[in-house]
Amino acid sequence: MTSIDIDASVVDRAKRKVEAVEAKGLSYVPQIIDAHKRVVDAERSGHQRSLDAAIAAGELLNAAKEAIRGSFKWSEWRSEYLRDLPQSTASLYMRLAKNQDRLRRPDLKTADGVRISNGVANLAAAGELSVRKAAALLVEKKPRGKVSRTKTNEDAAREWVKSLAADDLLHWLMKDHDGEWRKALWLGLGKEFATVSDRRF
């Protein structure tokens, strides 16, 4: 046997390992489909059960993803075996499962200072609880409008200088300054390089 020949037993073991991983992942498929159906049915009634079912589906999806890790790409596997479950919905369920403590713990608050669990309870009490509205409570709100610190001319100039290549910077400095200024710059740079000569650039 040459170094190019592959022992058939090695190939068989590899195939069995891949098949076992796939079988483990496939064992979650009926449960995930059932959980998704429970979410859809519960969503119609706007009931707390929809959130519970979405979290259960997310836990199963997370477990399936972990089971196939390293052997299959998640997006391809999900597309193949869970065709009726869009990626956006699967991601939503998985995010809810991952953050279920944030939805249920009374001490956690949004950026606005509102308790997340109160948001879930308020939506449920109003008959408006949906999976997407619960997920919206998890989103960190970013401030809108003007940023507190406006960009100055100096900030813009710094960004522009940083974007220049060394030869471009040299071109602009040579073009816009006289010999005395360039000499002072050269001496200043020489002193700077002398103090950092033992450091790497």
Protein backbone atom coordinates (compact mmCIF):
# COMPACT_ATOMS: atom_id res chain seq x y z
CA MET A 1 0.00 0.00 0.00
CA THR A 2 1.34 3.46 -0.94
CA SER A 3 0.91 6.67 0.99
CA ILE A 4 -1.84 7.64 -1.46
CA ASP A 5 -3.90 4.52 -0.79
CA ILE A 6 -6.48 4.92 1.96
CA ASP A 7 -7.37 2.06 4.21
CA ALA A 8 -11.04 1.13 3.60
CA SER A 9 -11.63 0.74 7.33
CA VAL A 10 -10.65 4.38 7.90
CA VAL A 11 -13.17 5.49 5.27
CA ASP A 12 -15.86 3.23 6.79
CA ARG A 13 -15.22 4.64 10.29
CA ALA A 14 -15.43 8.19 8.97
CA LYS A 15 -18.70 7.43 7.16
CA ARG A 16 -20.18 5.85 10.29
CA LYS A 17 -19.17 8.85 12.38
CA VAL A 18 -20.79 11.30 9.93
CA GLU A 19 -23.91 9.11 9.75
CA ALA A 20 -24.12 8.99 13.55
CA VAL A 21 -23.82 12.77 13.81
CA GLU A 22 -26.45 13.21 11.12
CA ALA A 23 -28.76 10.71 12.84
CA LYS A 24 -28.38 12.55 16.14
CA GLY A 25 -29.23 15.85 14.45
CA LEU A 26 -32.15 14.26 12.62
CA SER A 27 -33.56 12.98 15.89
CA TYR A 28 -34.43 16.60 16.73
CA VAL A 29 -36.30 17.32 13.48
CA PRO A 30 -39.76 15.91 14.42
CA GLN A 31 -39.58 17.59 17.82
CA ILE A 32 -38.61 20.93 16.26
CA ILE A 33 -41.42 20.72 13.70
CA ASP A 34 -43.92 19.87 16.46
CA ALA A 35 -42.69 22.74 18.64
CA HIS A 36 -42.94 25.16 15.69
CA LYS A 37 -46.53 24.05 15.06
CA ARG A 38 -47.31 24.69 18.75
CA VAL A 39 -45.87 28.21 18.41
CA VAL A 40 -47.97 28.94 15.32
CA ASP A 41 -51.13 27.59 16.98
CA ALA A 42 -50.49 29.50 20.21
CA GLU A 43 -49.70 32.71 18.31
CA ARG A 44 -53.22 32.68 16.94
CA SER A 45 -54.57 33.00 20.48
CA GLY A 46 -51.91 35.55 21.56
CA HIS A 47 -51.26 33.49 24.65
CA GLN A 48 -48.21 33.00 26.87
CA ARG A 49 -48.00 29.49 25.47
CA SER A 50 -46.59 30.91 22.22
CA LEU A 51 -43.53 32.23 24.05
CA ASP A 52 -43.09 28.98 25.97
CA ALA A 53 -43.39 26.96 22.75
CA ALA A 54 -40.93 29.26 20.94
CA ILE A 55 -38.41 28.85 23.76
CA ALA A 56 -38.87 25.05 23.63
CA ALA A 57 -38.36 25.10 19.86
CA GLY A 58 -35.26 27.26 20.31
CA GLU A 59 -33.80 24.86 22.84
CA LEU A 60 -34.29 21.98 20.39
CA LEU A 61 -32.77 24.01 17.54
CA ASN A 62 -29.77 24.93 19.69
CA ALA A 63 -29.31 21.26 20.65
CA ALA A 64 -29.56 20.15 17.01
CA LYS A 65 -27.04 22.79 15.95
CA GLU A 66 -24.65 21.63 18.65
CA ALA A 67 -25.17 17.98 17.67
CA ILE A 68 -24.12 18.55 14.05
CA ARG A 69 -21.34 21.05 14.75
CA GLY A 70 -18.12 20.15 13.02
CA SER A 71 -19.75 17.78 10.54
CA PHE A 72 -22.35 19.93 8.79
CA LYS A 73 -22.97 23.59 8.12
CA TRP A 74 -25.95 24.67 10.19
CA SER A 75 -27.63 26.75 7.49
CA GLU A 76 -27.40 23.95 4.92
CA TRP A 77 -28.59 21.31 7.40
CA ARG A 78 -31.51 23.47 8.52
CA SER A 79 -32.47 24.21 4.90
CA GLU A 80 -32.41 20.51 4.06
CA TYR A 81 -34.29 19.08 7.03
CA LEU A 82 -36.41 21.99 8.26
CA ARG A 83 -37.59 23.46 4.97
CA ASP A 84 -40.83 24.87 6.41
CA LEU A 85 -39.00 26.74 9.14
CA PRO A 86 -37.40 29.93 7.76
CA GLN A 87 -33.93 30.84 9.01
CA SER A 88 -35.23 34.10 10.49
CA THR A 89 -37.81 32.21 12.55
CA ALA A 90 -35.28 29.58 13.63
CA SER A 91 -32.89 32.35 14.71
CA LEU A 92 -35.70 34.05 16.61
CA TYR A 93 -36.55 30.86 18.51
CA MET A 94 -32.88 30.21 19.25
CA ARG A 95 -32.39 33.77 20.54
CA LEU A 96 -35.46 33.48 22.79
CA ALA A 97 -34.19 30.19 24.20
CA LYS A 98 -30.76 31.64 24.81
CA ASN A 99 -32.25 34.67 26.59
CA GLN A 100 -35.19 33.04 28.36
CA ASP A 101 -33.83 34.04 31.78
CA ARG A 102 -33.86 37.67 30.70
CA LEU A 103 -37.53 37.34 29.80
CA ARG A 104 -38.52 35.74 33.08
CA ARG A 105 -36.24 37.28 35.71
CA PRO A 106 -37.81 40.30 37.41
CA ASP A 107 -34.49 41.99 38.19
CA LEU A 108 -33.37 42.48 34.56
CA LYS A 109 -34.20 45.77 32.85
CA THR A 110 -34.11 47.28 29.39
CA ALA A 111 -31.96 50.31 28.56
CA ASP A 112 -35.02 52.44 29.40
CA GLY A 113 -35.10 50.99 32.92
CA VAL A 114 -38.24 48.91 32.32
CA ARG A 115 -38.21 45.39 33.69
CA ILE A 116 -38.19 42.93 30.81
CA SER A 117 -40.41 40.45 32.65
CA ASN A 118 -42.92 43.27 33.25
CA GLY A 119 -42.95 43.84 29.49
CA VAL A 120 -43.85 40.19 28.91
CA ALA A 121 -46.51 40.32 31.63
CA ASN A 122 -47.96 43.57 30.28
CA LEU A 123 -48.14 42.19 26.75
CA ALA A 124 -49.79 39.01 28.02
CA ALA A 125 -52.29 40.96 30.12
CA ALA A 126 -53.21 43.12 27.14
CA GLY A 127 -53.61 40.02 24.96
CA GLU A 128 -50.81 41.29 22.71
CA LEU A 129 -48.05 38.86 23.59
CA SER A 130 -46.38 37.47 20.52
CA VAL A 131 -43.05 35.80 20.00
CA ARG A 132 -41.73 38.78 18.03
CA LYS A 133 -42.90 41.31 20.62
CA ALA A 134 -41.18 39.30 23.36
CA ALA A 135 -37.99 39.21 21.29
CA ALA A 136 -38.23 42.97 20.80
CA LEU A 137 -37.89 43.35 24.56
CA LEU A 138 -34.41 41.82 24.30
CA VAL A 139 -33.13 44.36 21.78
CA GLU A 140 -30.77 46.95 23.17
CA LYS A 141 -32.05 50.33 22.06
CA LYS A 142 -29.50 52.68 20.59
CA PRO A 143 -29.95 56.40 20.99
CA ARG A 144 -31.48 58.13 18.00
CA GLY A 145 -30.81 61.55 16.66
CA LYS A 146 -27.68 63.58 17.09
CA VAL A 147 -24.78 62.00 18.86
CA SER A 148 -23.87 63.92 22.00
CA ARG A 149 -20.43 64.80 20.63
CA THR A 150 -20.33 66.33 17.18
CA LYS A 151 -17.39 65.79 14.91
CA THR A 152 -15.02 68.75 14.82
CA ASN A 153 -12.82 69.91 11.98
CA GLU A 154 -9.87 68.50 13.90
CA ASP A 155 -11.58 65.08 14.08
CA ALA A 156 -12.22 65.16 10.33
CA ALA A 157 -8.61 66.18 9.66
CA ARG A 158 -7.29 63.36 11.85
CA GLU A 159 -9.42 60.82 10.01
CA TRP A 160 -8.17 62.15 6.69
CA VAL A 161 -4.51 62.06 7.78
CA LYS A 162 -4.91 58.51 9.13
CA SER A 163 -6.34 57.40 5.80
CA LEU A 164 -3.29 58.58 3.86
CA ALA A 165 -0.44 56.32 2.90
CA ALA A 166 2.99 57.52 4.05
CA ASP A 167 4.01 58.74 0.57
CA ASP A 168 0.69 60.61 0.15
CA LEU A 169 1.16 62.29 3.52
CA LEU A 170 4.70 63.29 2.57
CA HIS A 171 3.42 64.72 -0.73
CA TRP A 172 0.87 66.94 1.05
CA LEU A 173 3.37 68.09 3.65
CA MET A 174 5.94 68.97 0.98
CA LYS A 175 3.34 70.78 -1.12
CA ASP A 176 1.80 72.92 1.59
CA HIS A 177 4.78 73.88 3.78
CA ASP A 178 8.01 75.79 3.28
CA GLY A 179 11.54 74.55 3.87
CA GLU A 180 11.78 75.87 7.45
CA TRP A 181 8.63 74.06 8.50
CA ARG A 182 9.77 70.81 6.83
CA LYS A 183 13.17 71.12 8.58
CA ALA A 184 11.46 71.56 11.97
CA LEU A 185 9.27 68.53 11.21
CA TRP A 186 12.32 66.49 10.22
CA LEU A 187 14.14 67.39 13.44
CA GLY A 188 11.07 66.66 15.52
CA LEU A 189 10.60 63.28 13.87
CA GLY A 190 14.29 62.51 14.37
CA LYS A 191 13.93 63.15 18.11
CA GLU A 192 10.78 60.99 18.23
CA PHE A 193 12.53 58.12 16.47
CA ALA A 194 15.53 58.40 18.77
CA THR A 195 13.32 57.96 21.86
CA VAL A 196 11.52 54.94 20.43
CA SER A 197 14.46 53.31 18.70
CA ASP A 198 14.32 50.31 21.02
CA ARG A 199 10.62 49.71 20.28
CA ARG A 200 9.32 47.93 17.22
CA PHE A 201 7.01 49.65 14.78
